[in-house]
N, C-alpha and C. Protein backbone atom coordinates (compact mmCIF):
# COMPACT_ATOMS: atom_id res chain seq x y z
N UNK A 1 4.96 -15.71 13.56
CA UNK A 1 4.31 -14.57 13.67
C UNK A 1 5.05 -13.11 13.78
N UNK A 2 4.43 -12.12 12.96
CA UNK A 2 5.40 -10.67 12.54
C UNK A 2 5.20 -9.86 14.21
N UNK A 3 5.51 -8.74 13.50
CA UNK A 3 5.23 -7.40 14.66
C UNK A 3 3.73 -7.28 14.34
N UNK A 4 2.97 -6.61 15.50
CA UNK A 4 2.05 -6.08 15.85
C UNK A 4 1.66 -4.50 15.21
N UNK A 5 2.90 -3.88 14.67
CA UNK A 5 2.77 -2.73 14.22
C UNK A 5 3.05 -2.65 12.63
N UNK A 6 2.97 -1.76 11.95
CA UNK A 6 3.43 -1.46 10.52
C UNK A 6 5.22 -1.51 10.58
N UNK A 7 5.78 -1.91 10.02
CA UNK A 7 7.47 -2.06 10.34
C UNK A 7 7.75 -0.22 9.93
N UNK A 8 8.62 0.22 10.77
CA UNK A 8 9.00 1.75 10.80
C UNK A 8 10.49 1.55 9.91
N UNK A 9 10.45 1.83 8.54
CA UNK A 9 11.47 1.97 7.63
C UNK A 9 11.44 2.97 6.72
N UNK A 10 12.54 3.59 6.19
CA UNK A 10 12.36 4.77 5.49
C UNK A 10 11.95 4.11 4.23
N UNK A 11 11.47 4.96 3.26
CA UNK A 11 10.78 4.80 1.79
C UNK A 11 12.19 4.50 1.06
N UNK A 12 12.08 3.51 -0.01
CA UNK A 12 13.07 3.18 -0.82
C UNK A 12 13.54 3.94 -1.95
N UNK A 13 14.82 3.90 -2.46
CA UNK A 13 14.79 4.66 -3.52
C UNK A 13 14.78 3.70 -4.65
N UNK A 14 13.95 3.75 -5.64
CA UNK A 14 13.66 2.91 -6.68
C UNK A 14 14.14 3.76 -7.87
N UNK A 15 14.81 3.09 -8.99
CA UNK A 15 14.58 3.49 -10.21
C UNK A 15 13.42 3.77 -11.19
N UNK A 16 13.14 4.50 -11.83
CA UNK A 16 12.33 3.85 -12.85
C UNK A 16 11.58 5.27 -12.85
N UNK A 17 10.35 5.31 -13.72
CA UNK A 17 9.32 6.27 -14.28
C UNK A 17 8.42 7.09 -12.77
N UNK A 18 8.38 8.04 -12.76
CA UNK A 18 7.66 8.40 -11.36
C UNK A 18 6.31 9.44 -12.07
N UNK A 19 5.39 9.08 -10.92
CA UNK A 19 3.95 9.32 -10.94
C UNK A 19 3.58 9.61 -10.08
N UNK A 20 3.09 11.29 -9.94
CA UNK A 20 2.30 11.56 -9.06
C UNK A 20 1.03 12.20 -8.86
N UNK A 21 0.38 12.26 -8.00
CA UNK A 21 -0.89 12.80 -7.63
C UNK A 21 -1.07 13.46 -6.25
N UNK A 22 -1.83 14.47 -6.31
CA UNK A 22 -2.66 14.79 -5.14
C UNK A 22 -4.09 14.76 -5.01
N UNK A 23 -4.20 14.03 -3.44
CA UNK A 23 -5.57 13.28 -3.25
C UNK A 23 -6.58 14.39 -2.65
N UNK A 24 -7.47 15.12 -3.01
CA UNK A 24 -7.90 16.06 -2.12
C UNK A 24 -8.93 15.54 -1.59
N UNK A 25 -9.92 14.59 -1.76
CA UNK A 25 -10.97 13.89 -1.28
C UNK A 25 -11.24 12.11 -2.04
N UNK A 26 -11.85 11.40 -1.31
CA UNK A 26 -11.93 10.36 -1.19
C UNK A 26 -12.64 10.02 -3.22
N UNK A 27 -13.40 11.15 -3.25
CA UNK A 27 -13.87 10.81 -4.92
C UNK A 27 -12.94 10.77 -5.90
N UNK A 28 -11.49 11.83 -5.42
CA UNK A 28 -10.31 11.69 -6.42
C UNK A 28 -9.90 10.13 -6.47
N UNK A 29 -9.92 9.33 -5.46
CA UNK A 29 -9.23 7.94 -5.69
C UNK A 29 -9.65 7.06 -6.63
N UNK A 30 -10.89 7.26 -7.09
CA UNK A 30 -11.22 6.60 -8.13
C UNK A 30 -10.76 6.99 -9.77
N UNK A 31 -10.77 8.30 -9.69
CA UNK A 31 -10.14 9.10 -10.95
C UNK A 31 -8.50 8.63 -11.11
N UNK A 32 -7.88 8.63 -10.03
CA UNK A 32 -6.41 8.75 -9.91
C UNK A 32 -6.16 7.51 -10.34
N UNK A 33 -7.00 6.27 -9.71
CA UNK A 33 -7.04 4.79 -9.95
C UNK A 33 -7.16 4.60 -11.34
N UNK A 34 -8.22 5.25 -12.19
CA UNK A 34 -8.43 4.72 -13.51
C UNK A 34 -6.88 5.34 -14.25
N UNK A 35 -6.53 6.60 -13.74
CA UNK A 35 -5.33 6.80 -14.37
C UNK A 35 -4.04 5.85 -14.11
N UNK A 36 -4.01 5.57 -13.05
CA UNK A 36 -2.96 4.23 -13.04
C UNK A 36 -3.00 3.31 -13.84
N UNK A 37 -4.49 2.84 -13.67
CA UNK A 37 -4.63 1.84 -14.81
C UNK A 37 -4.04 1.58 -16.20
N UNK A 38 -4.81 3.12 -16.62
CA UNK A 38 -4.43 3.85 -18.06
C UNK A 38 -2.97 3.21 -18.08
N UNK A 39 -2.11 4.01 -17.31
CA UNK A 39 -0.39 4.03 -17.42
C UNK A 39 -0.23 2.73 -17.33
N UNK A 40 -0.41 1.34 -16.53
CA UNK A 40 -0.09 0.67 -16.50
C UNK A 40 -0.70 -0.64 -17.86
N UNK A 41 -1.50 0.27 -18.44
CA UNK A 41 -2.12 -0.70 -19.53
C UNK A 41 -0.91 -0.73 -20.82
N UNK A 42 -0.28 0.62 -20.65
CA UNK A 42 0.84 0.47 -22.02
C UNK A 42 1.46 -0.45 -21.80
N UNK A 43 1.93 -0.72 -23.41
CA UNK A 43 2.30 -1.85 -23.84
C UNK A 43 3.64 -2.21 -22.97
N UNK A 44 4.73 -0.92 -22.75
CA UNK A 44 6.12 -0.82 -21.81
C UNK A 44 5.62 -1.92 -20.88
N UNK A 45 4.54 -1.33 -20.10
CA UNK A 45 4.34 -2.28 -18.85
C UNK A 45 3.75 -3.33 -18.64
N UNK A 46 2.87 -3.58 -19.98
CA UNK A 46 2.09 -4.92 -19.79
C UNK A 46 3.30 -6.06 -20.10
N UNK A 47 3.92 -5.76 -21.01
CA UNK A 47 4.88 -6.82 -21.14
C UNK A 47 5.96 -7.17 -20.66
N UNK A 48 6.01 -6.42 -19.38
CA UNK A 48 7.03 -7.00 -18.31
C UNK A 48 6.33 -7.16 -17.09
N UNK A 49 5.22 -7.15 -17.12
CA UNK A 49 4.55 -7.48 -15.60
C UNK A 49 3.08 -8.36 -15.99
N UNK A 50 2.50 -9.17 -15.13
CA UNK A 50 1.62 -10.10 -15.33
C UNK A 50 0.08 -9.24 -14.90
N UNK A 51 -0.96 -9.64 -15.35
CA UNK A 51 -2.05 -9.19 -15.31
C UNK A 51 -2.38 -9.26 -13.48
N UNK A 52 -1.94 -10.36 -12.99
CA UNK A 52 -2.03 -10.31 -11.47
C UNK A 52 -1.67 -9.34 -10.66
N UNK A 53 -0.20 -9.28 -11.22
CA UNK A 53 0.73 -8.00 -10.33
C UNK A 53 -0.14 -6.56 -10.69
N UNK A 54 -0.61 -6.45 -11.80
CA UNK A 54 -0.63 -4.83 -12.24
C UNK A 54 -2.48 -4.87 -11.30
N UNK A 55 -3.35 -5.86 -11.38
CA UNK A 55 -4.27 -5.87 -10.54
C UNK A 55 -3.89 -5.51 -8.93
N UNK A 56 -2.86 -6.33 -8.60
CA UNK A 56 -2.27 -5.78 -7.22
C UNK A 56 -1.87 -4.60 -7.01
N UNK A 57 -1.12 -4.21 -7.47
CA UNK A 57 -0.86 -2.67 -7.57
C UNK A 57 -2.09 -1.98 -7.76
N UNK A 58 -3.25 -2.07 -8.39
CA UNK A 58 -4.38 -1.34 -8.38
C UNK A 58 -4.90 -1.36 -7.02
N UNK A 59 -5.06 -2.61 -6.34
CA UNK A 59 -5.43 -2.85 -5.11
C UNK A 59 -4.90 -2.18 -3.89
N UNK A 60 -3.54 -2.49 -4.21
CA UNK A 60 -3.04 -1.67 -2.84
C UNK A 60 -2.88 -0.14 -2.89
N UNK A 61 -2.82 0.54 -4.25
CA UNK A 61 -3.04 1.93 -4.48
C UNK A 61 -4.19 2.13 -3.96
N UNK A 62 -5.59 1.57 -3.66
CA UNK A 62 -6.44 2.14 -3.48
C UNK A 62 -6.21 1.59 -1.72
N UNK A 63 -6.06 1.00 -1.33
CA UNK A 63 -6.21 0.61 0.39
C UNK A 63 -5.28 1.78 0.59
N UNK A 64 -4.16 2.17 0.25
CA UNK A 64 -3.22 3.21 1.08
C UNK A 64 -3.99 4.52 1.00
N UNK A 65 -4.48 4.59 -0.24
CA UNK A 65 -4.87 6.03 -0.59
C UNK A 65 -6.07 6.34 0.32
N UNK A 66 -7.13 5.51 0.24
CA UNK A 66 -7.80 5.54 1.14
C UNK A 66 -7.75 5.36 2.72
N UNK A 67 -6.73 4.67 3.28
CA UNK A 67 -6.51 4.95 4.57
C UNK A 67 -5.73 6.14 4.75
N UNK A 68 -5.22 6.78 3.64
CA UNK A 68 -4.14 7.97 3.99
C UNK A 68 -5.54 9.10 4.06
N UNK A 69 -6.58 8.99 3.40
CA UNK A 69 -7.52 10.21 3.18
C UNK A 69 -8.37 9.79 4.68
N UNK A 70 -8.49 8.69 5.04
CA UNK A 70 -9.32 8.65 6.39
C UNK A 70 -8.76 8.67 7.61
N UNK A 71 -7.40 8.06 7.66
CA UNK A 71 -6.40 8.31 8.96
C UNK A 71 -5.41 9.11 9.05
N UNK A 72 -5.20 9.88 8.19
CA UNK A 72 -3.90 10.87 7.91
C UNK A 72 -4.64 12.28 7.84
N UNK A 73 -4.98 12.33 6.49
CA UNK A 73 -5.54 13.92 6.55
C UNK A 73 -4.71 14.69 5.89
N UNK A 74 -5.46 15.75 5.80
CA UNK A 74 -4.29 17.01 5.06
C UNK A 74 -4.21 16.62 3.68
N UNK A 75 -3.08 17.50 3.24
CA UNK A 75 -2.68 17.02 1.90
C UNK A 75 -2.07 15.69 1.80
N UNK A 76 -2.94 14.65 1.06
CA UNK A 76 -2.46 13.56 0.64
C UNK A 76 -1.89 13.48 -0.92
N UNK A 77 -0.74 12.95 -1.02
CA UNK A 77 0.12 12.93 -2.05
C UNK A 77 0.10 11.24 -2.40
N UNK A 78 0.25 10.92 -3.70
CA UNK A 78 0.30 9.64 -3.79
C UNK A 78 1.39 9.56 -5.24
N UNK A 79 2.67 8.75 -4.76
CA UNK A 79 3.65 8.47 -5.76
C UNK A 79 3.65 6.96 -6.14
N UNK A 80 4.08 6.99 -7.49
CA UNK A 80 4.19 5.46 -7.96
C UNK A 80 5.26 5.52 -8.79
N UNK A 81 6.44 4.38 -8.54
CA UNK A 81 7.52 4.54 -9.20
C UNK A 81 7.33 3.08 -10.00
N UNK A 82 7.46 3.44 -11.20
CA UNK A 82 7.30 1.90 -12.03
C UNK A 82 8.73 1.66 -12.47
N UNK A 83 9.58 0.66 -11.89
CA UNK A 83 10.79 0.39 -12.15
C UNK A 83 10.58 -0.99 -12.48
N UNK A 84 11.98 -1.52 -13.07
CA UNK A 84 12.39 -2.63 -13.74
C UNK A 84 11.80 -4.25 -13.45
N UNK A 85 11.58 -4.17 -11.77
CA UNK A 85 11.36 -5.20 -11.32
C UNK A 85 9.77 -4.89 -10.58
N UNK A 86 9.25 -3.89 -10.84
CA UNK A 86 8.05 -3.92 -9.87
C UNK A 86 7.71 -2.50 -9.67
N UNK A 87 6.67 -2.12 -8.52
CA UNK A 87 6.51 -0.78 -8.60
C UNK A 87 6.51 -0.32 -6.77
N UNK A 88 6.89 1.07 -6.81
CA UNK A 88 7.14 1.41 -5.34
C UNK A 88 5.69 2.20 -5.04
N UNK A 89 4.80 2.11 -3.82
CA UNK A 89 3.91 3.07 -3.70
C UNK A 89 4.14 3.72 -2.47
N UNK A 90 4.08 5.45 -2.59
CA UNK A 90 4.34 5.88 -1.45
C UNK A 90 3.17 6.92 -1.45
N UNK A 91 2.19 6.55 -0.49
CA UNK A 91 1.32 7.72 0.05
C UNK A 91 1.49 8.28 1.57
N UNK A 92 1.37 9.67 1.13
CA UNK A 92 1.65 10.66 2.15
C UNK A 92 0.87 11.43 2.52
N UNK A 93 0.47 11.58 3.68
CA UNK A 93 -0.43 12.63 4.41
C UNK A 93 0.30 13.70 5.59
N UNK A 94 -0.23 14.16 6.03
CA UNK A 94 -0.14 15.39 7.13
C UNK A 94 0.05 14.73 8.83
N UNK A 95 0.03 13.63 8.82
CA UNK A 95 -0.11 13.02 10.28
C UNK A 95 1.00 12.27 10.67
N UNK A 96 2.24 12.73 10.64
CA UNK A 96 3.48 11.99 10.97
C UNK A 96 3.68 11.37 12.42
N UNK A 97 2.76 11.30 13.28
CA UNK A 97 2.48 11.40 14.57
C UNK A 97 1.44 9.93 14.56
N UNK A 98 1.33 9.20 13.51
CA UNK A 98 -0.08 8.30 13.46
C UNK A 98 0.31 7.45 12.49
N UNK A 99 0.84 6.53 13.34
CA UNK A 99 1.52 5.29 12.01
C UNK A 99 0.54 4.57 11.76
N UNK A 100 0.53 3.61 10.67
CA UNK A 100 -0.36 2.57 10.53
C UNK A 100 -0.72 1.63 11.29
N UNK A 101 -1.60 1.10 11.61
CA UNK A 101 -1.99 -0.14 12.66
C UNK A 101 -2.52 -0.96 11.91
N UNK A 102 -2.20 -2.24 11.89
CA UNK A 102 -3.26 -3.12 11.20
C UNK A 102 -3.79 -3.86 12.19
N UNK A 103 -5.28 -4.24 11.44
CA UNK A 103 -6.23 -4.62 12.89
C UNK A 103 -5.78 -5.83 13.17
N UNK A 104 -5.77 -6.23 14.69
CA UNK A 104 -5.93 -7.43 15.23
C UNK A 104 -6.83 -7.92 15.89
N UNK A 105 -7.46 -9.10 15.73
CA UNK A 105 -8.39 -9.65 16.68
C UNK A 105 -9.55 -8.66 16.05
N UNK A 106 -9.82 -8.43 14.70
CA UNK A 106 -10.94 -7.72 14.64
C UNK A 106 -12.05 -8.72 13.50
N UNK A 107 -13.31 -8.99 13.74
CA UNK A 107 -14.18 -9.58 12.94
C UNK A 107 -13.70 -8.81 11.69
N UNK A 108 -13.52 -9.82 10.69
CA UNK A 108 -13.21 -9.16 9.08
C UNK A 108 -14.10 -8.72 8.80
N UNK A 109 -15.42 -8.77 9.03
CA UNK A 109 -17.00 -8.47 8.97
C UNK A 109 -16.60 -6.78 8.75
N UNK A 110 -16.28 -6.39 9.90
CA UNK A 110 -15.89 -5.31 10.19
C UNK A 110 -14.81 -4.20 9.43
N UNK A 111 -14.39 -4.99 8.43
CA UNK A 111 -13.32 -4.20 7.91
C UNK A 111 -11.99 -3.84 8.67
N UNK A 112 -11.44 -2.81 7.90
CA UNK A 112 -10.16 -2.51 8.19
C UNK A 112 -8.96 -3.68 8.45
N UNK A 113 -9.36 -4.41 7.27
CA UNK A 113 -8.09 -5.70 6.87
C UNK A 113 -7.24 -5.18 5.57
N UNK A 114 -7.05 -3.92 5.49
CA UNK A 114 -6.57 -3.41 4.12
C UNK A 114 -5.25 -3.72 4.33
N UNK A 115 -4.70 -3.37 5.44
CA UNK A 115 -3.02 -3.54 5.90
C UNK A 115 -2.38 -5.06 5.63
N UNK A 116 -3.48 -5.59 5.93
CA UNK A 116 -3.23 -7.17 5.89
C UNK A 116 -2.87 -7.45 4.61
N UNK A 117 -3.68 -6.97 3.60
CA UNK A 117 -3.59 -7.53 2.12
C UNK A 117 -2.54 -6.83 1.44
N UNK A 118 -2.29 -5.34 2.25
CA UNK A 118 -1.33 -4.77 1.25
C UNK A 118 -0.17 -5.70 1.75
N UNK A 119 0.26 -5.81 2.94
CA UNK A 119 1.53 -6.77 3.54
C UNK A 119 1.33 -8.25 2.43
N UNK A 120 0.14 -8.74 2.10
CA UNK A 120 0.21 -10.26 1.47
C UNK A 120 0.40 -9.83 0.11
N UNK A 121 -0.05 -8.95 -0.39
CA UNK A 121 0.62 -8.67 -1.95
C UNK A 121 2.02 -7.77 -2.26
N UNK A 122 2.47 -7.55 -1.38
CA UNK A 122 3.96 -6.66 -1.27
C UNK A 122 5.10 -7.75 -1.01
N UNK A 123 6.17 -6.97 -1.77
CA UNK A 123 7.30 -7.51 -1.21
C UNK A 123 8.21 -7.36 -0.31
N UNK A 124 7.60 -5.99 0.13
CA UNK A 124 8.56 -5.18 1.28
C UNK A 124 7.52 -4.17 1.56
N UNK A 125 7.29 -3.50 2.71
CA UNK A 125 6.33 -2.43 3.14
C UNK A 125 6.99 -1.55 4.23
N UNK A 126 6.46 -0.62 4.72
CA UNK A 126 6.78 0.36 5.82
C UNK A 126 6.07 1.67 6.12
N UNK A 127 6.82 2.37 6.95
CA UNK A 127 6.39 4.00 6.90
C UNK A 127 7.36 4.75 7.41
N UNK A 128 7.57 6.00 7.31
CA UNK A 128 8.56 6.64 7.78
C UNK A 128 8.03 8.22 8.21
N UNK A 129 8.13 8.80 9.19
CA UNK A 129 7.69 10.18 9.75
C UNK A 129 8.86 11.23 9.28
N UNK A 130 8.62 12.01 8.50
CA UNK A 130 9.33 12.93 8.06
C UNK A 130 8.69 14.33 8.79
N UNK A 131 9.32 15.15 8.84
CA UNK A 131 8.94 16.75 9.49
C UNK A 131 7.57 17.03 8.43
N UNK A 132 6.16 16.67 9.28
CA UNK A 132 5.00 17.08 9.19
C UNK A 132 4.44 16.36 7.83
N UNK A 133 5.09 15.07 8.01
CA UNK A 133 4.73 14.18 6.92
C UNK A 133 4.44 12.75 7.23
N UNK A 134 3.75 11.85 6.71
CA UNK A 134 4.10 10.81 6.92
C UNK A 134 4.29 9.81 5.66
N UNK A 135 4.26 9.01 5.37
CA UNK A 135 4.84 8.16 4.33
C UNK A 135 4.87 6.72 4.55
N UNK A 136 3.48 5.93 3.98
CA UNK A 136 3.44 4.72 4.35
C UNK A 136 3.37 4.23 2.60
N UNK A 137 4.85 2.95 2.46
CA UNK A 137 4.70 2.92 1.09
C UNK A 137 4.77 1.11 1.18
N UNK A 138 4.77 0.69 0.07
CA UNK A 138 4.81 -0.64 -0.41
C UNK A 138 5.82 -0.71 -1.91
N UNK A 139 6.32 -1.93 -1.65
CA UNK A 139 6.83 -2.13 -3.21
C UNK A 139 6.25 -3.73 -3.55
N UNK A 140 5.82 -3.56 -4.78
CA UNK A 140 5.03 -4.38 -5.40
C UNK A 140 5.88 -5.50 -6.64
N UNK A 141 5.99 -6.61 -6.40
CA UNK A 141 7.07 -7.51 -7.66
C UNK A 141 5.92 -7.18 -9.17
N UNK A 142 6.67 -7.25 -10.13
CA UNK A 142 6.30 -7.37 -11.43
C UNK A 142 5.18 -8.74 -11.91
N UNK A 143 5.56 -9.65 -11.19
CA UNK A 143 5.08 -11.11 -10.92
C UNK A 143 5.88 -11.56 -12.12
N UNK A 144 6.88 -11.39 -12.97
CA UNK A 144 7.89 -11.95 -13.69
C UNK A 144 8.95 -12.64 -13.19
N UNK A 145 9.19 -11.89 -12.03
CA UNK A 145 10.44 -12.73 -11.14
C UNK A 145 9.95 -13.05 -9.93
N UNK A 146 10.73 -14.28 -9.40
CA UNK A 146 10.02 -14.59 -7.99
C UNK A 146 10.68 -13.63 -6.95
N UNK A 147 9.75 -13.69 -5.85
CA UNK A 147 9.80 -12.80 -4.93
C UNK A 147 9.93 -13.47 -3.47
N UNK A 148 10.24 -13.07 -2.32
CA UNK A 148 10.31 -13.34 -1.30
C UNK A 148 9.19 -12.31 -0.33
N UNK A 149 8.03 -12.82 -0.20
CA UNK A 149 7.03 -11.97 0.50
C UNK A 149 7.24 -11.63 1.60
N UNK A 150 6.79 -10.32 2.16
CA UNK A 150 7.02 -9.79 3.30
C UNK A 150 6.08 -9.71 4.19
N UNK A 151 5.12 -10.89 3.81
CA UNK A 151 3.88 -10.77 4.85
C UNK A 151 4.03 -11.40 6.20
N UNK A 152 5.19 -11.94 6.43
CA UNK A 152 5.47 -12.50 7.83
C UNK A 152 5.55 -11.65 9.09
N UNK A 153 5.86 -10.39 8.26
CA UNK A 153 6.16 -9.19 9.41
C UNK A 153 5.11 -8.48 10.05
N UNK A 154 3.49 -8.59 9.54
CA UNK A 154 2.41 -8.05 10.25
C UNK A 154 1.46 -9.63 10.51
N UNK A 155 0.96 -9.41 11.52
CA UNK A 155 0.15 -10.99 12.08
C UNK A 155 -0.62 -11.23 11.33
N UNK A 156 -1.16 -12.36 10.80
CA UNK A 156 -2.47 -12.78 10.23
C UNK A 156 -3.59 -12.23 11.30
N UNK A 157 -4.51 -11.64 10.59
CA UNK A 157 -5.97 -11.22 11.01
C UNK A 157 -6.44 -12.63 11.89
N UNK A 158 -6.56 -12.29 13.43
CA UNK A 158 -7.43 -13.64 13.56
C UNK A 158 -9.01 -13.03 13.90
N UNK A 159 -9.74 -14.23 14.19
CA UNK A 159 -11.13 -14.10 14.10
C UNK A 159 -11.01 -13.97 16.24
N UNK A 160 -12.35 -13.00 16.16
CA UNK A 160 -12.74 -12.60 17.59
C UNK A 160 -12.92 -13.86 18.48
N UNK A 161 -12.37 -14.08 19.75
CA UNK A 161 -12.84 -15.12 20.49
C UNK A 161 -14.15 -14.45 21.56
N UNK A 162 -15.15 -15.45 21.48
CA UNK A 162 -16.43 -15.39 22.42
C UNK A 162 -16.27 -16.48 23.28
N UNK A 163 -16.55 -15.69 24.28
CA UNK A 163 -16.75 -16.42 25.58
C UNK A 163 -17.58 -17.50 25.72
N UNK A 164 -17.01 -18.70 26.20
CA UNK A 164 -17.45 -19.97 26.37
C UNK A 164 -18.85 -20.00 27.65
N UNK A 165 -19.47 -20.67 27.13
CA UNK A 165 -20.66 -21.17 28.12
C UNK A 165 -20.47 -21.97 28.80
């Protein structure tokens, strides 16, 4: 069983191509996701990653971006580093005092399971508070090399318990 909160850890330094965007509102997320999809469709990225890994990157991006806009606020920034072993996503907002909190004991039908999904798809993840900003990050493998998943650090969502008669 893992921790009940998202791990507090500094954003790792990863070599690679750096892509960044400003996310002013929720409707911008789909435009940026399309731009990210086009970048990872480049033959140099396709040849060094699997389709499943690229789909996972897009899904994690969308989850972290929407969380930053919904729960963080202010100027939201997205940064993706495309490295030789995978990607680093860093979504930052202006709420350093509000760490990400995975849903625990919530009915999955009510939503809020995105951080669990991020944990399952990532090789490592965490958050860091800096002056005036919170950074929520995840490292995703390219699918070409075996990676030990970090999913044990966040508990699996549990179905709510109902009173027994």
